[in-house]
Amino acid sequence: RAMVRVVHPKIGETIYDGAVGSAGFLCEAFDYLRAKPHLTTRDLKTWQESTFYGIEKKSLAYVIAIMNMILHGIETPNIVHANTLSFNLADVQDKDRYDVILANPPFGGKERKEVQQNFPIKTGETAFLFLQHFIKMLKAGGRAGVVIKNTFLSNSDAKSLRKLLLESCNLHTVLDCPSGTFQGAGVKTVVLFFEKGAPTRKTWYYQLDPGRSLGKTNPLNDADLAEFIELQKTFADSPKSWSVAAASIDPATFDLSVKNPDGGVAVVHRSPQDIMDEIAALDAESGEVLGNIRRSLSAADGALL
């Protein structure tokens, strides 16, 4: 929800997630736009039919995404069942691009050489290929919020990609998230907020510290992110936030590491038991979703008979 509020989509803009998963971002954006006052009949038609787009590779996630969007009230889920990374970026035209991108691509995957050939910057890291895809798919002036593992900010293998991001987009905000923020990620993450077009001049960092360990049973809430959303409006400095001029970034590395000049906040490490409990909860949730789908399919088969 915080990512949607920062990116601030508007009626008439197209919103895209190329790693759609269960369509959580698209549904959140739908709810955000639904709350807008004085929507006309034309607005509602645009909002329903030609606003939300996504791609999902995994069959189960694709089905869940469609069901989730329909249950939220999206009558025309424009979701494609395909491998996003199989599309060659050289073939992308202006008509293929989107106004807003919100995404949390998968981490830790390794892609084959033939997949890497679709990208100007060759890397086996799945998340880094997705970021290239999102930069390319964004319209000039378009806005994005993308979750990525925090090693992207300093990993030497991602130097060329950081250079591309800084030179082709305005990376205006980096939200440094504590462990456990995104369930199932398994690694510490950051959220990159950027706008396509002008190069980066200054980047504002915010170090999120909810003051507790996060997990499946103890997720982030709106109150945890209230300060971030308020300070981000003016890129204000605080004990948890600061700005870095692009001119001060080392061109030899393009290192974007989170380095709080005030010393930052203490890192809260999750206990092994917390991690095991989260894994068990995720397994149980997956089993419940599969059970619901099986029952729905059985009911549909019975109706046909």
C-alpha atoms as a PDB file:
ATOM      1  CA  ARG A   1       0.000   0.000   0.000  1.00  0.00           C
ATOM      2  CA  ALA A   2       2.855   2.400   0.821  1.00  0.00           C
ATOM      3  CA  MET A   3       4.482   1.704  -2.546  1.00  0.00           C
ATOM      4  CA  VAL A   4       1.234   2.526  -4.339  1.00  0.00           C
ATOM      5  CA  ARG A   5       0.876   5.780  -2.410  1.00  0.00           C
ATOM      6  CA  VAL A   6       4.414   6.888  -3.288  1.00  0.00           C
ATOM      7  CA  VAL A   7       4.035   6.033  -6.987  1.00  0.00           C
ATOM      8  CA  HIS A   8       0.582   7.663  -6.957  1.00  0.00           C
ATOM      9  CA  PRO A   9      -1.184   6.123 -10.001  1.00  0.00           C
ATOM     10  CA  LYS A  10      -3.954   8.091 -11.674  1.00  0.00           C
ATOM     11  CA  ILE A  11      -7.088   7.196 -13.609  1.00  0.00           C
ATOM     12  CA  GLY A  12      -6.180   6.870 -17.289  1.00  0.00           C
ATOM     13  CA  GLU A  13      -2.673   5.556 -16.628  1.00  0.00           C
ATOM     14  CA  THR A  14      -1.654   1.974 -17.340  1.00  0.00           C
ATOM     15  CA  ILE A  15      -0.263  -0.056 -14.432  1.00  0.00           C
ATOM     16  CA  TYR A  16       1.972  -3.084 -14.985  1.00  0.00           C
ATOM     17  CA  ASP A  17       3.563  -5.879 -12.970  1.00  0.00           C
ATOM     18  CA  GLY A  18       5.768  -8.234 -14.973  1.00  0.00           C
ATOM     19  CA  ALA A  19       6.198 -10.599 -12.018  1.00  0.00           C
ATOM     20  CA  VAL A  20       2.578 -10.500 -11.003  1.00  0.00           C
ATOM     21  CA  GLY A  21       2.445 -13.433  -8.556  1.00  0.00           C
ATOM     22  CA  SER A  22      -0.919 -13.272  -6.804  1.00  0.00           C
ATOM     23  CA  ALA A  23      -1.550  -9.759  -8.237  1.00  0.00           C
ATOM     24  CA  GLY A  24      -1.231  -8.087  -4.855  1.00  0.00           C
ATOM     25  CA  PHE A  25       0.211  -4.854  -6.255  1.00  0.00           C
ATOM     26  CA  LEU A  26      -2.419  -4.576  -8.990  1.00  0.00           C
ATOM     27  CA  CYS A  27      -5.246  -5.198  -6.518  1.00  0.00           C
ATOM     28  CA  GLU A  28      -3.806  -2.609  -4.131  1.00  0.00           C
ATOM     29  CA  ALA A  29      -3.583  -0.079  -6.968  1.00  0.00           C
ATOM     30  CA  PHE A  30      -7.183  -0.924  -7.913  1.00  0.00           C
ATOM     31  CA  ASP A  31      -8.345  -0.201  -4.357  1.00  0.00           C
ATOM     32  CA  TYR A  32      -6.324   3.036  -4.317  1.00  0.00           C
ATOM     33  CA  LEU A  33      -7.996   4.298  -7.500  1.00  0.00           C
ATOM     34  CA  ARG A  34     -11.437   3.100  -6.407  1.00  0.00           C
ATOM     35  CA  ALA A  35     -11.231   5.455  -3.430  1.00  0.00           C
ATOM     36  CA  LYS A  36     -10.917   8.499  -5.711  1.00  0.00           C
ATOM     37  CA  PRO A  37     -14.008  10.751  -5.583  1.00  0.00           C
ATOM     38  CA  HIS A  38     -16.156  11.842  -8.530  1.00  0.00           C
ATOM     39  CA  LEU A  39     -15.299   9.047 -10.960  1.00  0.00           C
ATOM     40  CA  THR A  40     -17.195   9.382 -14.230  1.00  0.00           C
ATOM     41  CA  THR A  41     -18.709   6.512 -16.209  1.00  0.00           C
ATOM     42  CA  ARG A  42     -15.831   6.836 -18.662  1.00  0.00           C
ATOM     43  CA  ASP A  43     -13.327   6.723 -15.782  1.00  0.00           C
ATOM     44  CA  LEU A  44     -14.904   3.530 -14.470  1.00  0.00           C
ATOM     45  CA  LYS A  45     -14.759   1.871 -17.892  1.00  0.00           C
ATOM     46  CA  THR A  46     -11.076   2.793 -18.314  1.00  0.00           C
ATOM     47  CA  TRP A  47     -10.304   1.710 -14.750  1.00  0.00           C
ATOM     48  CA  GLN A  48     -11.986  -1.660 -15.259  1.00  0.00           C
ATOM     49  CA  GLU A  49     -10.858  -2.574 -18.770  1.00  0.00           C
ATOM     50  CA  SER A  50      -7.584  -0.898 -19.723  1.00  0.00           C
ATOM     51  CA  THR A  51      -5.621  -0.044 -16.602  1.00  0.00           C
ATOM     52  CA  PHE A  52      -4.147  -3.191 -15.033  1.00  0.00           C
ATOM     53  CA  TYR A  53      -1.689  -5.480 -16.827  1.00  0.00           C
ATOM     54  CA  GLY A  54       0.620  -8.273 -15.769  1.00  0.00           C
ATOM     55  CA  ILE A  55       2.601 -11.358 -16.738  1.00  0.00           C
ATOM     56  CA  GLU A  56       3.092 -14.514 -14.668  1.00  0.00           C
ATOM     57  CA  LYS A  57       5.173 -17.566 -15.519  1.00  0.00           C
ATOM     58  CA  LYS A  58       3.933 -20.084 -12.936  1.00  0.00           C
ATOM     59  CA  SER A  59       0.601 -21.752 -13.659  1.00  0.00           C
ATOM     60  CA  LEU A  60      -0.681 -21.804 -10.075  1.00  0.00           C
ATOM     61  CA  ALA A  61       0.242 -18.169  -9.433  1.00  0.00           C
ATOM     62  CA  TYR A  62      -1.396 -17.189 -12.738  1.00  0.00           C
ATOM     63  CA  VAL A  63      -4.692 -18.808 -11.688  1.00  0.00           C
ATOM     64  CA  ILE A  64      -4.505 -17.224  -8.229  1.00  0.00           C
ATOM     65  CA  ALA A  65      -3.813 -13.789  -9.767  1.00  0.00           C
ATOM     66  CA  ILE A  66      -6.879 -14.006 -12.013  1.00  0.00           C
ATOM     67  CA  MET A  67      -9.079 -15.146  -9.120  1.00  0.00           C
ATOM     68  CA  ASN A  68      -7.700 -12.454  -6.792  1.00  0.00           C
ATOM     69  CA  MET A  69      -8.340  -9.665  -9.288  1.00  0.00           C
ATOM     70  CA  ILE A  70     -11.881 -10.848 -10.025  1.00  0.00           C
ATOM     71  CA  LEU A  71     -12.652 -11.116  -6.306  1.00  0.00           C
ATOM     72  CA  HIS A  72     -11.391  -7.544  -5.848  1.00  0.00           C
ATOM     73  CA  GLY A  73     -13.784  -6.364  -8.546  1.00  0.00           C
ATOM     74  CA  ILE A  74     -11.509  -6.141 -11.585  1.00  0.00           C
ATOM     75  CA  GLU A  75     -13.784  -7.421 -14.339  1.00  0.00           C
ATOM     76  CA  THR A  76     -11.084  -7.639 -17.027  1.00  0.00           C
ATOM     77  CA  PRO A  77      -7.806  -9.003 -15.627  1.00  0.00           C
ATOM     78  CA  ASN A  78      -5.262  -8.395 -18.391  1.00  0.00           C
ATOM     79  CA  ILE A  79      -2.852 -11.072 -17.163  1.00  0.00           C
ATOM     80  CA  VAL A  80      -0.728 -13.094 -19.584  1.00  0.00           C
ATOM     81  CA  HIS A  81       0.563 -16.586 -18.748  1.00  0.00           C
ATOM     82  CA  ALA A  82       4.155 -16.377 -20.022  1.00  0.00           C
ATOM     83  CA  ASN A  83       7.803 -15.966 -19.052  1.00  0.00           C
ATOM     84  CA  THR A  84       8.451 -12.224 -18.878  1.00  0.00           C
ATOM     85  CA  LEU A  85      12.167 -12.728 -19.429  1.00  0.00           C
ATOM     86  CA  SER A  86      11.598 -14.527 -22.741  1.00  0.00           C
ATOM     87  CA  PHE A  87      10.723 -11.234 -24.455  1.00  0.00           C
ATOM     88  CA  ASN A  88      13.645  -9.517 -26.194  1.00  0.00           C
ATOM     89  CA  LEU A  89      14.010  -5.931 -24.984  1.00  0.00           C
ATOM     90  CA  ALA A  90      15.221  -4.886 -28.431  1.00  0.00           C
ATOM     91  CA  ASP A  91      11.692  -5.544 -29.710  1.00  0.00           C
ATOM     92  CA  VAL A  92       9.962  -3.234 -27.209  1.00  0.00           C
ATOM     93  CA  GLN A  93       8.185  -0.288 -28.865  1.00  0.00           C
ATOM     94  CA  ASP A  94       6.578   2.812 -27.374  1.00  0.00           C
ATOM     95  CA  LYS A  95       3.118   1.242 -27.614  1.00  0.00           C
ATOM     96  CA  ASP A  96       4.299  -1.594 -25.353  1.00  0.00           C
ATOM     97  CA  ARG A  97       5.278   0.666 -22.459  1.00  0.00           C
ATOM     98  CA  TYR A  98       3.366   1.558 -19.280  1.00  0.00           C
ATOM     99  CA  ASP A  99       2.839   4.648 -17.116  1.00  0.00           C
ATOM    100  CA  VAL A 100       3.298   2.905 -13.775  1.00  0.00           C
ATOM    101  CA  ILE A 101       5.178  -0.238 -12.762  1.00  0.00           C
ATOM    102  CA  LEU A 102       4.862  -1.926  -9.363  1.00  0.00           C
ATOM    103  CA  ALA A 103       6.681  -5.209  -8.865  1.00  0.00           C
ATOM    104  CA  ASN A 104       8.423  -7.614  -6.520  1.00  0.00           C
ATOM    105  CA  PRO A 105      10.394  -9.917  -8.862  1.00  0.00           C
ATOM    106  CA  PRO A 106      11.719 -13.295  -7.664  1.00  0.00           C
ATOM    107  CA  PHE A 107      15.157 -13.370  -6.017  1.00  0.00           C
ATOM    108  CA  GLY A 108      17.951 -15.888  -6.249  1.00  0.00           C
ATOM    109  CA  GLY A 109      17.023 -17.467  -9.558  1.00  0.00           C
ATOM    110  CA  LYS A 110      19.549 -18.144 -12.296  1.00  0.00           C
ATOM    111  CA  GLU A 111      18.669 -17.746 -15.956  1.00  0.00           C
ATOM    112  CA  ARG A 112      20.050 -19.654 -18.950  1.00  0.00           C
ATOM    113  CA  LYS A 113      22.331 -18.057 -21.545  1.00  0.00           C
ATOM    114  CA  GLU A 114      19.561 -18.003 -24.151  1.00  0.00           C
ATOM    115  CA  VAL A 115      17.370 -15.953 -21.800  1.00  0.00           C
ATOM    116  CA  GLN A 116      20.219 -13.537 -21.069  1.00  0.00           C
ATOM    117  CA  GLN A 117      20.506 -12.833 -24.802  1.00  0.00           C
ATOM    118  CA  ASN A 118      17.239 -10.890 -24.554  1.00  0.00           C
ATOM    119  CA  PHE A 119      18.941  -8.200 -22.457  1.00  0.00           C
ATOM    120  CA  PRO A 120      21.663  -5.629 -23.160  1.00  0.00           C
ATOM    121  CA  ILE A 121      23.313  -6.278 -19.780  1.00  0.00           C
ATOM    122  CA  LYS A 122      24.012 -10.007 -19.479  1.00  0.00           C
ATOM    123  CA  THR A 123      23.550 -11.536 -16.029  1.00  0.00           C
ATOM    124  CA  GLY A 124      22.259 -14.833 -14.714  1.00  0.00           C
ATOM    125  CA  GLU A 125      20.532 -13.169 -11.758  1.00  0.00           C
ATOM    126  CA  THR A 126      16.775 -13.279 -12.338  1.00  0.00           C
ATOM    127  CA  ALA A 127      15.964 -10.135 -10.341  1.00  0.00           C
ATOM    128  CA  PHE A 128      18.540  -8.056 -12.229  1.00  0.00           C
ATOM    129  CA  LEU A 129      17.055  -9.118 -15.575  1.00  0.00           C
ATOM    130  CA  PHE A 130      13.604  -8.141 -14.314  1.00  0.00           C
ATOM    131  CA  LEU A 131      14.886  -4.692 -13.342  1.00  0.00           C
ATOM    132  CA  GLN A 132      16.238  -4.183 -16.873  1.00  0.00           C
ATOM    133  CA  HIS A 133      12.827  -5.238 -18.185  1.00  0.00           C
ATOM    134  CA  PHE A 134      11.018  -2.738 -15.957  1.00  0.00           C
ATOM    135  CA  ILE A 135      13.298   0.144 -16.947  1.00  0.00           C
ATOM    136  CA  LYS A 136      12.687  -0.648 -20.616  1.00  0.00           C
ATOM    137  CA  MET A 137       8.919  -1.090 -20.213  1.00  0.00           C
ATOM    138  CA  LEU A 138       8.420   2.268 -18.488  1.00  0.00           C
ATOM    139  CA  LYS A 139       7.170   5.186 -20.566  1.00  0.00           C
ATOM    140  CA  ALA A 140       9.095   8.463 -20.585  1.00  0.00           C
ATOM    141  CA  GLY A 141       7.907  10.218 -17.443  1.00  0.00           C
ATOM    142  CA  GLY A 142       6.587   6.922 -16.082  1.00  0.00           C
ATOM    143  CA  ARG A 143       6.989   5.993 -12.416  1.00  0.00           C
ATOM    144  CA  ALA A 144       8.041   2.743 -10.783  1.00  0.00           C
ATOM    145  CA  GLY A 145       8.356   1.086  -7.403  1.00  0.00           C
ATOM    146  CA  VAL A 146      10.374  -2.137  -7.542  1.00  0.00           C
ATOM    147  CA  VAL A 147      11.419  -4.443  -4.701  1.00  0.00           C
ATOM    148  CA  ILE A 148      14.897  -5.917  -5.067  1.00  0.00           C
ATOM    149  CA  LYS A 149      17.414  -7.592  -2.768  1.00  0.00           C
ATOM    150  CA  ASN A 150      19.694  -5.082  -1.075  1.00  0.00           C
ATOM    151  CA  THR A 151      22.871  -6.610  -2.536  1.00  0.00           C
ATOM    152  CA  PHE A 152      21.888  -4.907  -5.797  1.00  0.00           C
ATOM    153  CA  LEU A 153      23.063  -1.623  -4.297  1.00  0.00           C
ATOM    154  CA  SER A 154      26.684  -2.747  -3.979  1.00  0.00           C
ATOM    155  CA  ASN A 155      27.193  -6.036  -5.855  1.00  0.00           C
ATOM    156  CA  SER A 156      30.001  -5.615  -8.401  1.00  0.00           C
ATOM    157  CA  ASP A 157      28.059  -7.774 -10.877  1.00  0.00           C
ATOM    158  CA  ALA A 158      25.273  -5.163 -10.888  1.00  0.00           C
ATOM    159  CA  LYS A 159      27.532  -2.151 -11.541  1.00  0.00           C
ATOM    160  CA  SER A 160      26.431  -1.751 -15.175  1.00  0.00           C
ATOM    161  CA  LEU A 161      22.779  -2.037 -14.204  1.00  0.00           C
ATOM    162  CA  ARG A 162      23.141   0.604 -11.481  1.00  0.00           C
ATOM    163  CA  LYS A 163      24.793   2.879 -14.045  1.00  0.00           C
ATOM    164  CA  LEU A 164      21.898   2.297 -16.454  1.00  0.00           C
ATOM    165  CA  LEU A 165      19.348   3.050 -13.742  1.00  0.00           C
ATOM    166  CA  LEU A 166      21.056   6.267 -12.624  1.00  0.00           C
ATOM    167  CA  GLU A 167      21.608   7.558 -16.156  1.00  0.00           C
ATOM    168  CA  SER A 168      18.225   6.691 -17.690  1.00  0.00           C
ATOM    169  CA  CYS A 169      15.999   7.293 -14.665  1.00  0.00           C
ATOM    170  CA  ASN A 170      15.673   9.562 -11.668  1.00  0.00           C
ATOM    171  CA  LEU A 171      16.194   7.192  -8.735  1.00  0.00           C
ATOM    172  CA  HIS A 172      14.649   9.580  -6.249  1.00  0.00           C
ATOM    173  CA  THR A 173      13.969   7.225  -3.318  1.00  0.00           C
ATOM    174  CA  VAL A 174      15.462   4.083  -1.777  1.00  0.00           C
ATOM    175  CA  LEU A 175      13.479   2.464   1.035  1.00  0.00           C
ATOM    176  CA  ASP A 176      15.726   0.187   3.108  1.00  0.00           C
ATOM    177  CA  CYS A 177      13.526  -2.592   4.508  1.00  0.00           C
ATOM    178  CA  PRO A 178      14.206  -4.773   7.557  1.00  0.00           C
ATOM    179  CA  SER A 179      14.382  -8.562   7.278  1.00  0.00           C
ATOM    180  CA  GLY A 180      10.973 -10.199   7.003  1.00  0.00           C
ATOM    181  CA  THR A 181       9.289  -7.262   5.241  1.00  0.00           C
ATOM    182  CA  PHE A 182       8.349  -9.294   2.165  1.00  0.00           C
ATOM    183  CA  GLN A 183       7.211 -12.793   3.088  1.00  0.00           C
ATOM    184  CA  GLY A 184       9.074 -15.542   1.279  1.00  0.00           C
ATOM    185  CA  ALA A 185      11.849 -13.268  -0.013  1.00  0.00           C
ATOM    186  CA  GLY A 186      14.418 -14.932   2.247  1.00  0.00           C
ATOM    187  CA  VAL A 187      16.807 -11.962   1.933  1.00  0.00           C
ATOM    188  CA  LYS A 188      16.977  -8.333   3.039  1.00  0.00           C
ATOM    189  CA  THR A 189      15.326  -6.038   0.516  1.00  0.00           C
ATOM    190  CA  VAL A 190      15.107  -2.441  -0.639  1.00  0.00           C
ATOM    191  CA  VAL A 191      12.437  -0.686  -2.680  1.00  0.00           C
ATOM    192  CA  LEU A 192      13.626   1.445  -5.586  1.00  0.00           C
ATOM    193  CA  PHE A 193      11.364   4.330  -6.603  1.00  0.00           C
ATOM    194  CA  PHE A 194      12.307   5.930  -9.898  1.00  0.00           C
ATOM    195  CA  GLU A 195      10.988   7.976 -12.805  1.00  0.00           C
ATOM    196  CA  LYS A 196      11.982   7.341 -16.415  1.00  0.00           C
ATOM    197  CA  GLY A 197      13.614  10.157 -18.351  1.00  0.00           C
ATOM    198  CA  ALA A 198      15.949  12.608 -16.651  1.00  0.00           C
ATOM    199  CA  PRO A 199      19.061  11.169 -14.964  1.00  0.00           C
ATOM    200  CA  THR A 200      19.400  10.952 -11.197  1.00  0.00           C
ATOM    201  CA  ARG A 201      20.580  14.112  -9.435  1.00  0.00           C
ATOM    202  CA  LYS A 202      19.900  13.171  -5.839  1.00  0.00           C
ATOM    203  CA  THR A 203      18.619  10.049  -4.069  1.00  0.00           C
ATOM    204  CA  TRP A 204      16.727  10.112  -0.785  1.00  0.00           C
ATOM    205  CA  TYR A 205      17.184   7.131   1.537  1.00  0.00           C
ATOM    206  CA  TYR A 206      14.905   6.002   4.348  1.00  0.00           C
ATOM    207  CA  GLN A 207      15.935   3.292   6.803  1.00  0.00           C
ATOM    208  CA  LEU A 208      12.759   1.579   7.976  1.00  0.00           C
ATOM    209  CA  ASP A 209      12.836   0.427  11.600  1.00  0.00           C
ATOM    210  CA  PRO A 210       9.539  -0.848  13.045  1.00  0.00           C
ATOM    211  CA  GLY A 211      11.274  -1.679  16.337  1.00  0.00           C
ATOM    212  CA  ARG A 212      10.388  -5.365  16.248  1.00  0.00           C
ATOM    213  CA  SER A 213      11.084  -8.564  14.342  1.00  0.00           C
ATOM    214  CA  LEU A 214       8.850  -9.083  11.320  1.00  0.00           C
ATOM    215  CA  GLY A 215       7.325 -12.321  10.099  1.00  0.00           C
ATOM    216  CA  LYS A 216       4.196 -14.015   8.841  1.00  0.00           C
ATOM    217  CA  THR A 217       2.328 -13.393  12.090  1.00  0.00           C
ATOM    218  CA  ASN A 218       3.848  -9.950  12.673  1.00  0.00           C
ATOM    219  CA  PRO A 219       3.905  -8.082   9.332  1.00  0.00           C
ATOM    220  CA  LEU A 220       4.398  -4.403   8.635  1.00  0.00           C
ATOM    221  CA  ASN A 221       1.341  -2.214   9.066  1.00  0.00           C
ATOM    222  CA  ASP A 222       0.325   1.260   7.920  1.00  0.00           C
ATOM    223  CA  ALA A 223       1.560   2.846  11.153  1.00  0.00           C
ATOM    224  CA  ASP A 224       5.062   1.455  10.559  1.00  0.00           C
ATOM    225  CA  LEU A 225       5.236   3.252   7.209  1.00  0.00           C
ATOM    226  CA  ALA A 226       3.447   6.486   8.123  1.00  0.00           C
ATOM    227  CA  GLU A 227       6.662   8.420   8.807  1.00  0.00           C
ATOM    228  CA  PHE A 228       8.256   7.214   5.571  1.00  0.00           C
ATOM    229  CA  ILE A 229       5.265   8.321   3.492  1.00  0.00           C
ATOM    230  CA  GLU A 230       5.147  11.732   5.170  1.00  0.00           C
ATOM    231  CA  LEU A 231       8.889  12.465   4.954  1.00  0.00           C
ATOM    232  CA  GLN A 232       9.111  11.165   1.380  1.00  0.00           C
ATOM    233  CA  LYS A 233       6.777  13.899   0.151  1.00  0.00           C
ATOM    234  CA  THR A 234       9.514  16.504   0.736  1.00  0.00           C
ATOM    235  CA  PHE A 235      12.560  14.197   0.931  1.00  0.00           C
ATOM    236  CA  ALA A 236      13.163  15.504   4.440  1.00  0.00           C
ATOM    237  CA  ASP A 237      16.216  14.588   6.516  1.00  0.00           C
ATOM    238  CA  SER A 238      15.741  12.822   9.844  1.00  0.00           C
ATOM    239  CA  PRO A 239      17.608  10.294  12.022  1.00  0.00           C
ATOM    240  CA  LYS A 240      16.316   7.628   9.615  1.00  0.00           C
ATOM    241  CA  SER A 241      16.513   9.543   6.328  1.00  0.00           C
ATOM    242  CA  TRP A 242      19.124  11.402   4.302  1.00  0.00           C
ATOM    243  CA  SER A 243      19.982  12.376   0.735  1.00  0.00           C
ATOM    244  CA  VAL A 244      22.965  11.513  -1.454  1.00  0.00           C
ATOM    245  CA  ALA A 245      23.929  13.616  -4.478  1.00  0.00           C
ATOM    246  CA  ALA A 246      24.552  11.621  -7.640  1.00  0.00           C
ATOM    247  CA  ALA A 247      27.749  13.626  -8.179  1.00  0.00           C
ATOM    248  CA  SER A 248      29.179  12.072  -5.007  1.00  0.00           C
ATOM    249  CA  ILE A 249      28.688   8.482  -6.224  1.00  0.00           C
ATOM    250  CA  ASP A 250      31.935   6.750  -7.205  1.00  0.00           C
ATOM    251  CA  PRO A 251      31.828   6.229 -11.011  1.00  0.00           C
ATOM    252  CA  ALA A 252      34.202   3.281 -10.641  1.00  0.00           C
ATOM    253  CA  THR A 253      31.588   1.263  -8.744  1.00  0.00           C
ATOM    254  CA  PHE A 254      28.283   3.219  -8.790  1.00  0.00           C
ATOM    255  CA  ASP A 255      27.868   1.927  -5.232  1.00  0.00           C
ATOM    256  CA  LEU A 256      24.459   2.874  -3.810  1.00  0.00           C
ATOM    257  CA  SER A 257      24.828   1.177  -0.415  1.00  0.00           C
ATOM    258  CA  VAL A 258      22.672   2.335   2.474  1.00  0.00           C
ATOM    259  CA  LYS A 259      25.015   4.374   4.696  1.00  0.00           C
ATOM    260  CA  ASN A 260      23.202   6.458   7.276  1.00  0.00           C
ATOM    261  CA  PRO A 261      25.418   9.457   8.143  1.00  0.00           C
ATOM    262  CA  ASP A 262      23.867   9.474  11.629  1.00  0.00           C
ATOM    263  CA  GLY A 263      24.917   5.893  12.248  1.00  0.00           C
ATOM    264  CA  GLY A 264      21.524   4.410  11.470  1.00  0.00           C
ATOM    265  CA  VAL A 265      19.524   2.097  13.632  1.00  0.00           C
ATOM    266  CA  ALA A 266      20.402  -1.214  15.166  1.00  0.00           C
ATOM    267  CA  VAL A 267      19.642  -4.183  12.945  1.00  0.00           C
ATOM    268  CA  VAL A 268      17.101  -6.551  14.476  1.00  0.00           C
ATOM    269  CA  HIS A 269      17.956 -10.123  13.525  1.00  0.00           C
ATOM    270  CA  ARG A 270      15.206 -12.714  13.427  1.00  0.00           C
ATOM    271  CA  SER A 271      15.621 -15.821  15.504  1.00  0.00           C
ATOM    272  CA  PRO A 272      15.914 -19.229  13.806  1.00  0.00           C
ATOM    273  CA  GLN A 273      12.593 -20.179  15.404  1.00  0.00           C
ATOM    274  CA  ASP A 274      10.886 -17.131  13.827  1.00  0.00           C
ATOM    275  CA  ILE A 275      12.212 -18.152  10.425  1.00  0.00           C
ATOM    276  CA  MET A 276      11.080 -21.780  10.849  1.00  0.00           C
ATOM    277  CA  ASP A 277       7.636 -20.614  11.997  1.00  0.00           C
ATOM    278  CA  GLU A 278       7.333 -18.433   8.890  1.00  0.00           C
ATOM    279  CA  ILE A 279       8.296 -21.315   6.600  1.00  0.00           C
ATOM    280  CA  ALA A 280       5.689 -23.542   8.261  1.00  0.00           C
ATOM    281  CA  ALA A 281       3.035 -20.823   7.950  1.00  0.00           C
ATOM    282  CA  LEU A 282       3.818 -20.303   4.253  1.00  0.00           C
ATOM    283  CA  ASP A 283       3.575 -24.053   3.626  1.00  0.00           C
ATOM    284  CA  ALA A 284       0.209 -24.156   5.385  1.00  0.00           C
ATOM    285  CA  GLU A 285      -1.051 -21.173   3.374  1.00  0.00           C
ATOM    286  CA  SER A 286       0.038 -22.796   0.100  1.00  0.00           C
ATOM    287  CA  GLY A 287      -1.772 -25.992   1.083  1.00  0.00           C
ATOM    288  CA  GLU A 288      -4.931 -24.053   1.879  1.00  0.00           C
ATOM    289  CA  VAL A 289      -4.854 -22.224  -1.484  1.00  0.00           C
ATOM    290  CA  LEU A 290      -4.333 -25.490  -3.363  1.00  0.00           C
ATOM    291  CA  GLY A 291      -7.200 -27.065  -1.443  1.00  0.00           C
ATOM    292  CA  ASN A 292      -9.532 -24.193  -2.343  1.00  0.00           C
ATOM    293  CA  ILE A 293      -8.602 -24.436  -6.017  1.00  0.00           C
ATOM    294  CA  ARG A 294      -9.116 -28.218  -6.031  1.00  0.00           C
ATOM    295  CA  ARG A 295     -12.559 -27.790  -4.466  1.00  0.00           C
ATOM    296  CA  SER A 296     -13.455 -25.095  -7.002  1.00  0.00           C
ATOM    297  CA  LEU A 297     -12.350 -27.304  -9.887  1.00  0.00           C
ATOM    298  CA  SER A 298     -14.278 -30.278  -8.483  1.00  0.00           C
ATOM    299  CA  ALA A 299     -17.396 -28.153  -8.139  1.00  0.00           C
ATOM    300  CA  ALA A 300     -16.987 -26.915 -11.716  1.00  0.00           C
ATOM    301  CA  ASP A 301     -16.559 -30.476 -13.000  1.00  0.00           C
ATOM    302  CA  GLY A 302     -19.663 -31.556 -11.086  1.00  0.00           C
ATOM    303  CA  ALA A 303     -21.676 -28.730 -12.591  1.00  0.00           C
ATOM    304  CA  LEU A 304     -20.619 -29.750 -16.087  1.00  0.00           C
ATOM    305  CA  LEU A 305     -21.720 -33.338 -15.433  1.00  0.00           C
END
